[in-house]
Amino acid sequence: MNTGDPLADALGVPFHHETYMKLGRYISSVRGEQAKLRNSAEDWKLAISAGMKSSADRLGAGIGGQTSYQAAAAGTLDSHLI
């Protein structure tokens, strides 16, 4: 195979030209938006704060009760909930 990143090749992940092109455009777009935000220290600080809050909210949403590891060890794991 050997058409892309060595790790992807080692894992057998095939290279898809269309996905590669879309990712390139997306990354370029994100970099452009970040460059605009960096022009204003206040906008950049707000963007960082919003990103940190979003991450904390997502992390906090799933916390509570036993972990899957704990439930499996206790024999109470419901595989349909995973």
Protein backbone atom coordinates (compact mmCIF):
# COMPACT_ATOMS: atom_id res chain seq x y z
CA MET A 1 0.00 0.00 0.00
CA ASN A 2 2.46 2.70 1.22
CA THR A 3 0.37 5.63 -0.05
CA GLY A 4 0.24 7.80 3.06
CA ASP A 5 1.33 8.14 6.60
CA PRO A 6 3.37 5.13 7.76
CA LEU A 7 1.11 4.57 10.81
CA ALA A 8 -2.02 4.56 8.61
CA ASP A 9 -0.29 2.12 6.28
CA ALA A 10 0.72 -0.11 9.19
CA LEU A 11 -2.89 -0.13 10.43
CA GLY A 12 -4.24 -0.85 6.96
CA VAL A 13 -6.17 2.43 6.73
CA PRO A 14 -6.67 3.11 3.03
CA PHE A 15 -5.90 6.49 1.47
CA HIS A 16 -8.94 8.30 0.02
CA HIS A 17 -8.11 11.23 -2.23
CA GLU A 18 -11.52 12.90 -1.76
CA THR A 19 -11.27 12.77 2.03
CA TYR A 20 -7.70 14.09 1.85
CA MET A 21 -8.83 17.04 -0.28
CA LYS A 22 -11.81 17.84 1.98
CA LEU A 23 -9.64 17.70 5.09
CA GLY A 24 -7.15 20.05 3.49
CA ARG A 25 -9.87 22.60 2.71
CA TYR A 26 -11.34 22.27 6.21
CA ILE A 27 -7.96 22.73 7.91
CA SER A 28 -7.24 25.76 5.73
CA SER A 29 -10.61 27.25 6.68
CA VAL A 30 -10.04 26.71 10.40
CA ARG A 31 -6.58 28.25 10.19
CA GLY A 32 -8.05 31.27 8.40
CA GLU A 33 -10.72 31.74 11.07
CA GLN A 34 -8.12 31.43 13.83
CA ALA A 35 -5.89 33.98 12.10
CA LYS A 36 -8.81 36.45 12.04
CA LEU A 37 -9.46 35.88 15.75
CA ARG A 38 -5.79 36.41 16.60
CA ASN A 39 -5.98 39.92 15.13
CA SER A 40 -7.94 40.90 18.23
CA ALA A 41 -6.61 39.89 21.63
CA GLU A 42 -10.12 40.15 23.10
CA ASP A 43 -11.69 37.96 20.36
CA TRP A 44 -8.91 35.40 20.78
CA LYS A 45 -9.42 35.26 24.57
CA LEU A 46 -13.18 34.85 24.08
CA ALA A 47 -12.67 32.04 21.56
CA ILE A 48 -10.29 30.21 23.91
CA SER A 49 -12.73 30.62 26.82
CA ALA A 50 -15.64 29.35 24.71
CA GLY A 51 -13.59 26.33 23.59
CA MET A 52 -12.55 25.49 27.14
CA LYS A 53 -16.16 25.78 28.38
CA SER A 54 -17.39 23.57 25.54
CA SER A 55 -14.79 20.91 26.36
CA ALA A 56 -15.60 21.04 30.07
CA ASP A 57 -19.33 20.75 29.33
CA ARG A 58 -18.79 17.70 27.09
CA LEU A 59 -16.53 16.05 29.65
CA GLY A 60 -18.93 16.77 32.50
CA ALA A 61 -21.96 15.45 30.62
CA GLY A 62 -20.81 11.85 30.76
CA ILE A 63 -19.49 11.79 34.29
CA GLY A 64 -21.52 10.12 37.01
CA GLY A 65 -21.98 6.63 38.28
CA GLN A 66 -19.71 3.70 37.57
CA THR A 67 -17.27 3.59 34.71
CA SER A 68 -17.61 0.72 32.24
CA TYR A 69 -14.48 -0.81 33.76
CA GLN A 70 -15.99 -0.69 37.26
CA ALA A 71 -19.31 -2.14 36.08
CA ALA A 72 -17.57 -4.99 34.24
CA ALA A 73 -15.48 -5.80 37.30
CA ALA A 74 -18.65 -5.86 39.43
CA GLY A 75 -20.50 -7.98 36.85
CA THR A 76 -23.17 -5.32 36.32
CA LEU A 77 -22.10 -4.06 32.87
CA ASP A 78 -25.01 -3.64 30.46
CA SER A 79 -23.32 -3.89 27.06
CA HIS A 80 -26.28 -2.10 25.44
CA LEU A 81 -25.33 1.10 27.28
CA ILE A 82 -21.84 1.22 25.81
